[in-house]
Amino acid sequence: LVFARTSPFRPGTKFAKSTVVPLRRPTADSAMLVKAAVAGLRSIFK
């Protein structure tokens, strides 16, 4: 799961979104997990 959000205390536009990225196979490989996290972030970025 990857998420990004704005500050709840700062004035202006509020944003809070997350997404769950299923992995093809269970892994502990940093490269695989980073790739999934970046892909998830790009999908929710505004």
ModelCIF file with pLDDT and N, C-alpha, C, O atoms, coordinates in Angstrom:
data_MODEL
#
_entry.id   MODEL 
#
_entity.id                         1 
_entity.type                       polymer 
_entity.pdbx_number_of_molecules   1 
#
_entity_poly.entity_id                      1 
_entity_poly.type                           'polypeptide(L)' 
_entity_poly.nstd_linkage                   no 
_entity_poly.nstd_monomer                   no 
_entity_poly.pdbx_seq_one_letter_code       LVFARTSPFRPGTKFAKSTVVPLRRPTADSAMLVKAAVAGLRSIFK 
_entity_poly.pdbx_seq_one_letter_code_can   LVFARTSPFRPGTKFAKSTVVPLRRPTADSAMLVKAAVAGLRSIFK 
_entity_poly.pdbx_strand_id                 A 
#
loop_
_entity_poly_seq.entity_id 
_entity_poly_seq.num 
_entity_poly_seq.mon_id 
_entity_poly_seq.hetero 
1 1  LEU n 
1 2  VAL n 
1 3  PHE n 
1 4  ALA n 
1 5  ARG n 
1 6  THR n 
1 7  SER n 
1 8  PRO n 
1 9  PHE n 
1 10 ARG n 
1 11 PRO n 
1 12 GLY n 
1 13 THR n 
1 14 LYS n 
1 15 PHE n 
1 16 ALA n 
1 17 LYS n 
1 18 SER n 
1 19 THR n 
1 20 VAL n 
1 21 VAL n 
1 22 PRO n 
1 23 LEU n 
1 24 ARG n 
1 25 ARG n 
1 26 PRO n 
1 27 THR n 
1 28 ALA n 
1 29 ASP n 
1 30 SER n 
1 31 ALA n 
1 32 MET n 
1 33 LEU n 
1 34 VAL n 
1 35 LYS n 
1 36 ALA n 
1 37 ALA n 
1 38 VAL n 
1 39 ALA n 
1 40 GLY n 
1 41 LEU n 
1 42 ARG n 
1 43 SER n 
1 44 ILE n 
1 45 PHE n 
1 46 LYS n 
#
_struct_asym.id          A 
_struct_asym.entity_id   1 
#
loop_
_ma_qa_metric.id 
_ma_qa_metric.mode 
_ma_qa_metric.name 
_ma_qa_metric.software_group_id 
_ma_qa_metric.type 
1 global pLDDT . pLDDT 
2 local  pLDDT . pLDDT 
#
_ma_qa_metric_global.metric_id      1 
_ma_qa_metric_global.metric_value   89.70 
_ma_qa_metric_global.model_id       1 
_ma_qa_metric_global.ordinal_id     1 
#
loop_
_ma_qa_metric_local.label_asym_id 
_ma_qa_metric_local.label_comp_id 
_ma_qa_metric_local.label_seq_id 
_ma_qa_metric_local.metric_id 
_ma_qa_metric_local.metric_value 
_ma_qa_metric_local.model_id 
_ma_qa_metric_local.ordinal_id 
A LEU 1  2 93.00 1 1  
A VAL 2  2 93.00 1 2  
A PHE 3  2 93.00 1 3  
A ALA 4  2 92.00 1 4  
A ARG 5  2 92.00 1 5  
A THR 6  2 91.00 1 6  
A SER 7  2 84.00 1 7  
A PRO 8  2 80.00 1 8  
A PHE 9  2 75.00 1 9  
A ARG 10 2 79.00 1 10 
A PRO 11 2 81.00 1 11 
A GLY 12 2 81.00 1 12 
A THR 13 2 85.00 1 13 
A LYS 14 2 88.00 1 14 
A PHE 15 2 91.00 1 15 
A ALA 16 2 90.00 1 16 
A LYS 17 2 91.00 1 17 
A SER 18 2 91.00 1 18 
A THR 19 2 92.00 1 19 
A VAL 20 2 91.00 1 20 
A VAL 21 2 92.00 1 21 
A PRO 22 2 91.00 1 22 
A LEU 23 2 89.00 1 23 
A ARG 24 2 85.00 1 24 
A ARG 25 2 85.00 1 25 
A PRO 26 2 90.00 1 26 
A THR 27 2 90.00 1 27 
A ALA 28 2 90.00 1 28 
A ASP 29 2 90.00 1 29 
A SER 30 2 89.00 1 30 
A ALA 31 2 89.00 1 31 
A MET 32 2 90.00 1 32 
A LEU 33 2 93.00 1 33 
A VAL 34 2 92.00 1 34 
A LYS 35 2 92.00 1 35 
A ALA 36 2 94.00 1 36 
A ALA 37 2 93.00 1 37 
A VAL 38 2 93.00 1 38 
A ALA 39 2 94.00 1 39 
A GLY 40 2 94.00 1 40 
A LEU 41 2 93.00 1 41 
A ARG 42 2 93.00 1 42 
A SER 43 2 93.00 1 43 
A ILE 44 2 93.00 1 44 
A PHE 45 2 94.00 1 45 
A LYS 46 2 92.00 1 46 
#
loop_
_atom_site.group_PDB 
_atom_site.id 
_atom_site.type_symbol 
_atom_site.label_atom_id 
_atom_site.label_alt_id 
_atom_site.label_comp_id 
_atom_site.label_asym_id 
_atom_site.label_entity_id 
_atom_site.label_seq_id 
_atom_site.pdbx_PDB_ins_code 
_atom_site.Cartn_x 
_atom_site.Cartn_y 
_atom_site.Cartn_z 
_atom_site.occupancy 
_atom_site.B_iso_or_equiv 
_atom_site.pdbx_formal_charge 
_atom_site.auth_seq_id 
_atom_site.auth_comp_id 
_atom_site.auth_asym_id 
_atom_site.auth_atom_id 
_atom_site.pdbx_PDB_model_num 
ATOM 1   N N  . LEU A 1 1  ? 0.855  -1.190  0.000   1.00 93.00 ? 1  LEU A N  1 
ATOM 2   C CA . LEU A 1 1  ? 0.000  0.000   0.000   1.00 93.00 ? 1  LEU A CA 1 
ATOM 3   C C  . LEU A 1 1  ? 0.889  1.238   0.000   1.00 93.00 ? 1  LEU A C  1 
ATOM 4   O O  . LEU A 1 1  ? 1.860  1.314   0.753   1.00 93.00 ? 1  LEU A O  1 
ATOM 5   N N  . VAL A 1 2  ? 0.555  2.195   -0.840  1.00 93.00 ? 2  VAL A N  1 
ATOM 6   C CA . VAL A 1 2  ? 1.275  3.468   -0.868  1.00 93.00 ? 2  VAL A CA 1 
ATOM 7   C C  . VAL A 1 2  ? 0.259  4.595   -0.747  1.00 93.00 ? 2  VAL A C  1 
ATOM 8   O O  . VAL A 1 2  ? -0.821 4.529   -1.335  1.00 93.00 ? 2  VAL A O  1 
ATOM 9   N N  . PHE A 1 3  ? 0.604  5.631   0.015   1.00 93.00 ? 3  PHE A N  1 
ATOM 10  C CA . PHE A 1 3  ? -0.320 6.754   0.186   1.00 93.00 ? 3  PHE A CA 1 
ATOM 11  C C  . PHE A 1 3  ? 0.445  8.070   0.148   1.00 93.00 ? 3  PHE A C  1 
ATOM 12  O O  . PHE A 1 3  ? 1.661  8.107   0.341   1.00 93.00 ? 3  PHE A O  1 
ATOM 13  N N  . ALA A 1 4  ? -0.282 9.134   -0.100  1.00 92.00 ? 4  ALA A N  1 
ATOM 14  C CA . ALA A 1 4  ? 0.244  10.502  -0.051  1.00 92.00 ? 4  ALA A CA 1 
ATOM 15  C C  . ALA A 1 4  ? -0.891 11.413  0.370   1.00 92.00 ? 4  ALA A C  1 
ATOM 16  O O  . ALA A 1 4  ? -2.039 11.208  -0.024  1.00 92.00 ? 4  ALA A O  1 
ATOM 17  N N  . ARG A 1 5  ? -0.570 12.428  1.176   1.00 92.00 ? 5  ARG A N  1 
ATOM 18  C CA . ARG A 1 5  ? -1.616 13.334  1.642   1.00 92.00 ? 5  ARG A CA 1 
ATOM 19  C C  . ARG A 1 5  ? -1.061 14.704  1.959   1.00 92.00 ? 5  ARG A C  1 
ATOM 20  O O  . ARG A 1 5  ? 0.145  14.893  2.113   1.00 92.00 ? 5  ARG A O  1 
ATOM 21  N N  . THR A 1 6  ? -1.967 15.648  2.052   1.00 91.00 ? 6  THR A N  1 
ATOM 22  C CA . THR A 1 6  ? -1.627 17.001  2.472   1.00 91.00 ? 6  THR A CA 1 
ATOM 23  C C  . THR A 1 6  ? -1.713 17.092  3.991   1.00 91.00 ? 6  THR A C  1 
ATOM 24  O O  . THR A 1 6  ? -2.156 16.159  4.660   1.00 91.00 ? 6  THR A O  1 
ATOM 25  N N  . SER A 1 7  ? -1.283 18.227  4.520   1.00 84.00 ? 7  SER A N  1 
ATOM 26  C CA . SER A 1 7  ? -1.379 18.456  5.957   1.00 84.00 ? 7  SER A CA 1 
ATOM 27  C C  . SER A 1 7  ? -2.818 18.794  6.335   1.00 84.00 ? 7  SER A C  1 
ATOM 28  O O  . SER A 1 7  ? -3.446 19.620  5.674   1.00 84.00 ? 7  SER A O  1 
ATOM 29  N N  . PRO A 1 8  ? -3.349 18.174  7.383   1.00 80.00 ? 8  PRO A N  1 
ATOM 30  C CA . PRO A 1 8  ? -4.710 18.515  7.805   1.00 80.00 ? 8  PRO A CA 1 
ATOM 31  C C  . PRO A 1 8  ? -4.802 19.891  8.451   1.00 80.00 ? 8  PRO A C  1 
ATOM 32  O O  . PRO A 1 8  ? -5.898 20.418  8.643   1.00 80.00 ? 8  PRO A O  1 
ATOM 33  N N  . PHE A 1 9  ? -3.643 20.481  8.789   1.00 75.00 ? 9  PHE A N  1 
ATOM 34  C CA . PHE A 1 9  ? -3.627 21.758  9.485   1.00 75.00 ? 9  PHE A CA 1 
ATOM 35  C C  . PHE A 1 9  ? -3.330 22.946  8.564   1.00 75.00 ? 9  PHE A C  1 
ATOM 36  O O  . PHE A 1 9  ? -3.584 24.092  8.932   1.00 75.00 ? 9  PHE A O  1 
ATOM 37  N N  . ARG A 1 10 ? -2.796 22.679  7.376   1.00 79.00 ? 10 ARG A N  1 
ATOM 38  C CA . ARG A 1 10 ? -2.436 23.752  6.468   1.00 79.00 ? 10 ARG A CA 1 
ATOM 39  C C  . ARG A 1 10 ? -3.650 24.153  5.616   1.00 79.00 ? 10 ARG A C  1 
ATOM 40  O O  . ARG A 1 10 ? -4.337 23.275  5.094   1.00 79.00 ? 10 ARG A O  1 
ATOM 41  N N  . PRO A 1 11 ? -3.928 25.446  5.463   1.00 81.00 ? 11 PRO A N  1 
ATOM 42  C CA . PRO A 1 11 ? -5.048 25.861  4.625   1.00 81.00 ? 11 PRO A CA 1 
ATOM 43  C C  . PRO A 1 11 ? -4.788 25.536  3.159   1.00 81.00 ? 11 PRO A C  1 
ATOM 44  O O  . PRO A 1 11 ? -3.641 25.395  2.735   1.00 81.00 ? 11 PRO A O  1 
ATOM 45  N N  . GLY A 1 12 ? -5.854 25.421  2.404   1.00 81.00 ? 12 GLY A N  1 
ATOM 46  C CA . GLY A 1 12 ? -5.721 25.102  0.989   1.00 81.00 ? 12 GLY A CA 1 
ATOM 47  C C  . GLY A 1 12 ? -6.386 23.781  0.643   1.00 81.00 ? 12 GLY A C  1 
ATOM 48  O O  . GLY A 1 12 ? -7.127 23.216  1.446   1.00 81.00 ? 12 GLY A O  1 
ATOM 49  N N  . THR A 1 13 ? -6.114 23.297  -0.560  1.00 85.00 ? 13 THR A N  1 
ATOM 50  C CA . THR A 1 13 ? -6.712 22.064  -1.053  1.00 85.00 ? 13 THR A CA 1 
ATOM 51  C C  . THR A 1 13 ? -6.290 20.871  -0.207  1.00 85.00 ? 13 THR A C  1 
ATOM 52  O O  . THR A 1 13 ? -5.111 20.696  0.100   1.00 85.00 ? 13 THR A O  1 
ATOM 53  N N  . LYS A 1 14 ? -7.280 20.046  0.170   1.00 88.00 ? 14 LYS A N  1 
ATOM 54  C CA . LYS A 1 14 ? -7.010 18.843  0.938   1.00 88.00 ? 14 LYS A CA 1 
ATOM 55  C C  . LYS A 1 14 ? -6.949 17.638  -0.003  1.00 88.00 ? 14 LYS A C  1 
ATOM 56  O O  . LYS A 1 14 ? -7.738 17.526  -0.942  1.00 88.00 ? 14 LYS A O  1 
ATOM 57  N N  . PHE A 1 15 ? -6.006 16.750  0.265   1.00 91.00 ? 15 PHE A N  1 
ATOM 58  C CA . PHE A 1 15 ? -5.836 15.565  -0.568  1.00 91.00 ? 15 PHE A CA 1 
ATOM 59  C C  . PHE A 1 15 ? -5.318 14.428  0.293   1.00 91.00 ? 15 PHE A C  1 
ATOM 60  O O  . PHE A 1 15 ? -4.373 14.605  1.061   1.00 91.00 ? 15 PHE A O  1 
ATOM 61  N N  . ALA A 1 16 ? -5.924 13.282  0.170   1.00 90.00 ? 16 ALA A N  1 
ATOM 62  C CA . ALA A 1 16 ? -5.461 12.084  0.863   1.00 90.00 ? 16 ALA A CA 1 
ATOM 63  C C  . ALA A 1 16 ? -5.914 10.875  0.058   1.00 90.00 ? 16 ALA A C  1 
ATOM 64  O O  . ALA A 1 16 ? -7.110 10.612  -0.068  1.00 90.00 ? 16 ALA A O  1 
ATOM 65  N N  . LYS A 1 17 ? -4.958 10.152  -0.478  1.00 91.00 ? 17 LYS A N  1 
ATOM 66  C CA . LYS A 1 17 ? -5.317 9.020   -1.326  1.00 91.00 ? 17 LYS A CA 1 
ATOM 67  C C  . LYS A 1 17 ? -4.286 7.912   -1.157  1.00 91.00 ? 17 LYS A C  1 
ATOM 68  O O  . LYS A 1 17 ? -3.107 8.171   -0.920  1.00 91.00 ? 17 LYS A O  1 
ATOM 69  N N  . SER A 1 18 ? -4.752 6.678   -1.284  1.00 91.00 ? 18 SER A N  1 
ATOM 70  C CA . SER A 1 18 ? -3.870 5.523   -1.205  1.00 91.00 ? 18 SER A CA 1 
ATOM 71  C C  . SER A 1 18 ? -4.311 4.487   -2.225  1.00 91.00 ? 18 SER A C  1 
ATOM 72  O O  . SER A 1 18 ? -5.425 4.544   -2.746  1.00 91.00 ? 18 SER A O  1 
ATOM 73  N N  . THR A 1 19 ? -3.441 3.558   -2.498  1.00 92.00 ? 19 THR A N  1 
ATOM 74  C CA . THR A 1 19 ? -3.774 2.455   -3.398  1.00 92.00 ? 19 THR A CA 1 
ATOM 75  C C  . THR A 1 19 ? -2.991 1.224   -2.965  1.00 92.00 ? 19 THR A C  1 
ATOM 76  O O  . THR A 1 19 ? -1.882 1.326   -2.442  1.00 92.00 ? 19 THR A O  1 
ATOM 77  N N  . VAL A 1 20 ? -3.585 0.069   -3.191  1.00 91.00 ? 20 VAL A N  1 
ATOM 78  C CA . VAL A 1 20 ? -2.944 -1.203  -2.873  1.00 91.00 ? 20 VAL A CA 1 
ATOM 79  C C  . VAL A 1 20 ? -2.467 -1.840  -4.183  1.00 91.00 ? 20 VAL A C  1 
ATOM 80  O O  . VAL A 1 20 ? -3.235 -1.993  -5.133  1.00 91.00 ? 20 VAL A O  1 
ATOM 81  N N  . VAL A 1 21 ? -1.198 -2.203  -4.209  1.00 92.00 ? 21 VAL A N  1 
ATOM 82  C CA . VAL A 1 21 ? -0.597 -2.799  -5.397  1.00 92.00 ? 21 VAL A CA 1 
ATOM 83  C C  . VAL A 1 21 ? -0.346 -4.283  -5.132  1.00 92.00 ? 21 VAL A C  1 
ATOM 84  O O  . VAL A 1 21 ? 0.540  -4.607  -4.342  1.00 92.00 ? 21 VAL A O  1 
ATOM 85  N N  . PRO A 1 22 ? -1.092 -5.201  -5.763  1.00 91.00 ? 22 PRO A N  1 
ATOM 86  C CA . PRO A 1 22 ? -0.813 -6.623  -5.584  1.00 91.00 ? 22 PRO A CA 1 
ATOM 87  C C  . PRO A 1 22 ? 0.515  -6.990  -6.240  1.00 91.00 ? 22 PRO A C  1 
ATOM 88  O O  . PRO A 1 22 ? 0.836  -6.506  -7.326  1.00 91.00 ? 22 PRO A O  1 
ATOM 89  N N  . LEU A 1 23 ? 1.268  -7.834  -5.582  1.00 89.00 ? 23 LEU A N  1 
ATOM 90  C CA . LEU A 1 23 ? 2.533  -8.292  -6.126  1.00 89.00 ? 23 LEU A CA 1 
ATOM 91  C C  . LEU A 1 23 ? 2.339  -9.631  -6.823  1.00 89.00 ? 23 LEU A C  1 
ATOM 92  O O  . LEU A 1 23 ? 1.572  -10.472 -6.353  1.00 89.00 ? 23 LEU A O  1 
ATOM 93  N N  . ARG A 1 24 ? 3.023  -9.832  -7.930  1.00 85.00 ? 24 ARG A N  1 
ATOM 94  C CA . ARG A 1 24 ? 2.854  -11.060 -8.701  1.00 85.00 ? 24 ARG A CA 1 
ATOM 95  C C  . ARG A 1 24 ? 3.145  -12.290 -7.865  1.00 85.00 ? 24 ARG A C  1 
ATOM 96  O O  . ARG A 1 24 ? 2.442  -13.296 -7.957  1.00 85.00 ? 24 ARG A O  1 
ATOM 97  N N  . ARG A 1 25 ? 4.182  -12.205 -7.051  1.00 85.00 ? 25 ARG A N  1 
ATOM 98  C CA . ARG A 1 25 ? 4.518  -13.266 -6.102  1.00 85.00 ? 25 ARG A CA 1 
ATOM 99  C C  . ARG A 1 25 ? 5.015  -12.605 -4.814  1.00 85.00 ? 25 ARG A C  1 
ATOM 100 O O  . ARG A 1 25 ? 5.592  -11.520 -4.877  1.00 85.00 ? 25 ARG A O  1 
ATOM 101 N N  . PRO A 1 26 ? 4.809  -13.230 -3.642  1.00 90.00 ? 26 PRO A N  1 
ATOM 102 C CA . PRO A 1 26 ? 5.341  -12.676 -2.404  1.00 90.00 ? 26 PRO A CA 1 
ATOM 103 C C  . PRO A 1 26 ? 6.849  -12.480 -2.505  1.00 90.00 ? 26 PRO A C  1 
ATOM 104 O O  . PRO A 1 26 ? 7.562  -13.359 -2.989  1.00 90.00 ? 26 PRO A O  1 
ATOM 105 N N  . THR A 1 27 ? 7.330  -11.333 -2.051  1.00 90.00 ? 27 THR A N  1 
ATOM 106 C CA . THR A 1 27 ? 8.737  -11.005 -2.219  1.00 90.00 ? 27 THR A CA 1 
ATOM 107 C C  . THR A 1 27 ? 9.237  -10.135 -1.084  1.00 90.00 ? 27 THR A C  1 
ATOM 108 O O  . THR A 1 27 ? 8.456  -9.469  -0.403  1.00 90.00 ? 27 THR A O  1 
ATOM 109 N N  . ALA A 1 28 ? 10.565 -10.149 -0.883  1.00 90.00 ? 28 ALA A N  1 
ATOM 110 C CA . ALA A 1 28 ? 11.249 -9.224  0.016   1.00 90.00 ? 28 ALA A CA 1 
ATOM 111 C C  . ALA A 1 28 ? 12.338 -8.475  -0.732  1.00 90.00 ? 28 ALA A C  1 
ATOM 112 O O  . ALA A 1 28 ? 13.227 -7.882  -0.121  1.00 90.00 ? 28 ALA A O  1 
ATOM 113 N N  . ASP A 1 29 ? 12.267 -8.503  -2.043  1.00 90.00 ? 29 ASP A N  1 
ATOM 114 C CA . ASP A 1 29 ? 13.254 -7.873  -2.911  1.00 90.00 ? 29 ASP A CA 1 
ATOM 115 C C  . ASP A 1 29 ? 13.004 -6.365  -2.950  1.00 90.00 ? 29 ASP A C  1 
ATOM 116 O O  . ASP A 1 29 ? 11.921 -5.925  -3.335  1.00 90.00 ? 29 ASP A O  1 
ATOM 117 N N  . SER A 1 30 ? 13.996 -5.580  -2.556  1.00 89.00 ? 30 SER A N  1 
ATOM 118 C CA . SER A 1 30 ? 13.840 -4.127  -2.525  1.00 89.00 ? 30 SER A CA 1 
ATOM 119 C C  . SER A 1 30 ? 13.460 -3.567  -3.887  1.00 89.00 ? 30 SER A C  1 
ATOM 120 O O  . SER A 1 30 ? 12.603 -2.687  -3.981  1.00 89.00 ? 30 SER A O  1 
ATOM 121 N N  . ALA A 1 31 ? 14.091 -4.071  -4.942  1.00 89.00 ? 31 ALA A N  1 
ATOM 122 C CA . ALA A 1 31 ? 13.819 -3.558  -6.278  1.00 89.00 ? 31 ALA A CA 1 
ATOM 123 C C  . ALA A 1 31 ? 12.363 -3.786  -6.683  1.00 89.00 ? 31 ALA A C  1 
ATOM 124 O O  . ALA A 1 31 ? 11.725 -2.902  -7.255  1.00 89.00 ? 31 ALA A O  1 
ATOM 125 N N  . MET A 1 32 ? 11.845 -4.975  -6.384  1.00 90.00 ? 32 MET A N  1 
ATOM 126 C CA . MET A 1 32 ? 10.451 -5.283  -6.713  1.00 90.00 ? 32 MET A CA 1 
ATOM 127 C C  . MET A 1 32 ? 9.485  -4.409  -5.922  1.00 90.00 ? 32 MET A C  1 
ATOM 128 O O  . MET A 1 32 ? 8.499  -3.912  -6.466  1.00 90.00 ? 32 MET A O  1 
ATOM 129 N N  . LEU A 1 33 ? 9.768  -4.226  -4.650  1.00 93.00 ? 33 LEU A N  1 
ATOM 130 C CA . LEU A 1 33 ? 8.886  -3.435  -3.797  1.00 93.00 ? 33 LEU A CA 1 
ATOM 131 C C  . LEU A 1 33 ? 8.953  -1.953  -4.157  1.00 93.00 ? 33 LEU A C  1 
ATOM 132 O O  . LEU A 1 33 ? 7.929  -1.270  -4.143  1.00 93.00 ? 33 LEU A O  1 
ATOM 133 N N  . VAL A 1 34 ? 10.127 -1.457  -4.475  1.00 92.00 ? 34 VAL A N  1 
ATOM 134 C CA . VAL A 1 34 ? 10.258 -0.066  -4.912  1.00 92.00 ? 34 VAL A CA 1 
ATOM 135 C C  . VAL A 1 34 ? 9.502  0.152   -6.214  1.00 92.00 ? 34 VAL A C  1 
ATOM 136 O O  . VAL A 1 34 ? 8.801  1.153   -6.368  1.00 92.00 ? 34 VAL A O  1 
ATOM 137 N N  . LYS A 1 35 ? 9.640  -0.778  -7.150  1.00 92.00 ? 35 LYS A N  1 
ATOM 138 C CA . LYS A 1 35 ? 8.933  -0.673  -8.427  1.00 92.00 ? 35 LYS A CA 1 
ATOM 139 C C  . LYS A 1 35 ? 7.424  -0.613  -8.218  1.00 92.00 ? 35 LYS A C  1 
ATOM 140 O O  . LYS A 1 35 ? 6.738  0.188   -8.851  1.00 92.00 ? 35 LYS A O  1 
ATOM 141 N N  . ALA A 1 36 ? 6.908  -1.462  -7.328  1.00 94.00 ? 36 ALA A N  1 
ATOM 142 C CA . ALA A 1 36 ? 5.472  -1.469  -7.041  1.00 94.00 ? 36 ALA A CA 1 
ATOM 143 C C  . ALA A 1 36 ? 5.038  -0.174  -6.373  1.00 94.00 ? 36 ALA A C  1 
ATOM 144 O O  . ALA A 1 36 ? 3.986  0.374   -6.701  1.00 94.00 ? 36 ALA A O  1 
ATOM 145 N N  . ALA A 1 37 ? 5.851  0.323   -5.429  1.00 93.00 ? 37 ALA A N  1 
ATOM 146 C CA . ALA A 1 37 ? 5.510  1.555   -4.721  1.00 93.00 ? 37 ALA A CA 1 
ATOM 147 C C  . ALA A 1 37 ? 5.474  2.749   -5.668  1.00 93.00 ? 37 ALA A C  1 
ATOM 148 O O  . ALA A 1 37 ? 4.566  3.575   -5.588  1.00 93.00 ? 37 ALA A O  1 
ATOM 149 N N  . VAL A 1 38 ? 6.443  2.844   -6.552  1.00 93.00 ? 38 VAL A N  1 
ATOM 150 C CA . VAL A 1 38 ? 6.490  3.952   -7.509  1.00 93.00 ? 38 VAL A CA 1 
ATOM 151 C C  . VAL A 1 38 ? 5.309  3.889   -8.467  1.00 93.00 ? 38 VAL A C  1 
ATOM 152 O O  . VAL A 1 38 ? 4.710  4.914   -8.793  1.00 93.00 ? 38 VAL A O  1 
ATOM 153 N N  . ALA A 1 39 ? 4.972  2.674   -8.920  1.00 94.00 ? 39 ALA A N  1 
ATOM 154 C CA . ALA A 1 39 ? 3.823  2.525   -9.813  1.00 94.00 ? 39 ALA A CA 1 
ATOM 155 C C  . ALA A 1 39 ? 2.535  2.951   -9.113  1.00 94.00 ? 39 ALA A C  1 
ATOM 156 O O  . ALA A 1 39 ? 1.692  3.624   -9.707  1.00 94.00 ? 39 ALA A O  1 
ATOM 157 N N  . GLY A 1 40 ? 2.387  2.552   -7.840  1.00 94.00 ? 40 GLY A N  1 
ATOM 158 C CA . GLY A 1 40 ? 1.212  2.954   -7.084  1.00 94.00 ? 40 GLY A CA 1 
ATOM 159 C C  . GLY A 1 40 ? 1.148  4.453   -6.883  1.00 94.00 ? 40 GLY A C  1 
ATOM 160 O O  . GLY A 1 40 ? 0.082  5.058   -7.000  1.00 94.00 ? 40 GLY A O  1 
ATOM 161 N N  . LEU A 1 41 ? 2.294  5.058   -6.578  1.00 93.00 ? 41 LEU A N  1 
ATOM 162 C CA . LEU A 1 41 ? 2.334  6.513   -6.386  1.00 93.00 ? 41 LEU A CA 1 
ATOM 163 C C  . LEU A 1 41 ? 1.929  7.251   -7.652  1.00 93.00 ? 41 LEU A C  1 
ATOM 164 O O  . LEU A 1 41 ? 1.148  8.201   -7.595  1.00 93.00 ? 41 LEU A O  1 
ATOM 165 N N  . ARG A 1 42 ? 2.451  6.825   -8.788  1.00 93.00 ? 42 ARG A N  1 
ATOM 166 C CA . ARG A 1 42 ? 2.124  7.500   -10.053 1.00 93.00 ? 42 ARG A CA 1 
ATOM 167 C C  . ARG A 1 42 ? 0.623  7.425   -10.347 1.00 93.00 ? 42 ARG A C  1 
ATOM 168 O O  . ARG A 1 42 ? 0.067  8.327   -10.973 1.00 93.00 ? 42 ARG A O  1 
ATOM 169 N N  . SER A 1 43 ? -0.026 6.360   -9.900  1.00 93.00 ? 43 SER A N  1 
ATOM 170 C CA . SER A 1 43 ? -1.456 6.198   -10.175 1.00 93.00 ? 43 SER A CA 1 
ATOM 171 C C  . SER A 1 43 ? -2.314 7.126   -9.326  1.00 93.00 ? 43 SER A C  1 
ATOM 172 O O  . SER A 1 43 ? -3.433 7.452   -9.723  1.00 93.00 ? 43 SER A O  1 
ATOM 173 N N  . ILE A 1 44 ? -1.820 7.563   -8.165  1.00 93.00 ? 44 ILE A N  1 
ATOM 174 C CA . ILE A 1 44 ? -2.627 8.424   -7.297  1.00 93.00 ? 44 ILE A CA 1 
ATOM 175 C C  . ILE A 1 44 ? -2.153 9.869   -7.308  1.00 93.00 ? 44 ILE A C  1 
ATOM 176 O O  . ILE A 1 44 ? -2.828 10.740  -6.760  1.00 93.00 ? 44 ILE A O  1 
ATOM 177 N N  . PHE A 1 45 ? -1.013 10.141  -7.917  1.00 94.00 ? 45 PHE A N  1 
ATOM 178 C CA . PHE A 1 45 ? -0.461 11.492  -7.909  1.00 94.00 ? 45 PHE A CA 1 
ATOM 179 C C  . PHE A 1 45 ? -1.376 12.477  -8.624  1.00 94.00 ? 45 PHE A C  1 
ATOM 180 O O  . PHE A 1 45 ? -1.938 12.180  -9.678  1.00 94.00 ? 45 PHE A O  1 
ATOM 181 N N  . LYS A 1 46 ? -1.508 13.650  -8.025  1.00 92.00 ? 46 LYS A N  1 
ATOM 182 C CA . LYS A 1 46 ? -2.301 14.728  -8.603  1.00 92.00 ? 46 LYS A CA 1 
ATOM 183 C C  . LYS A 1 46 ? -1.457 15.996  -8.592  1.00 92.00 ? 46 LYS A C  1 
ATOM 184 O O  . LYS A 1 46 ? -1.917 17.048  -9.034  1.00 92.00 ? 46 LYS A O  1 
#
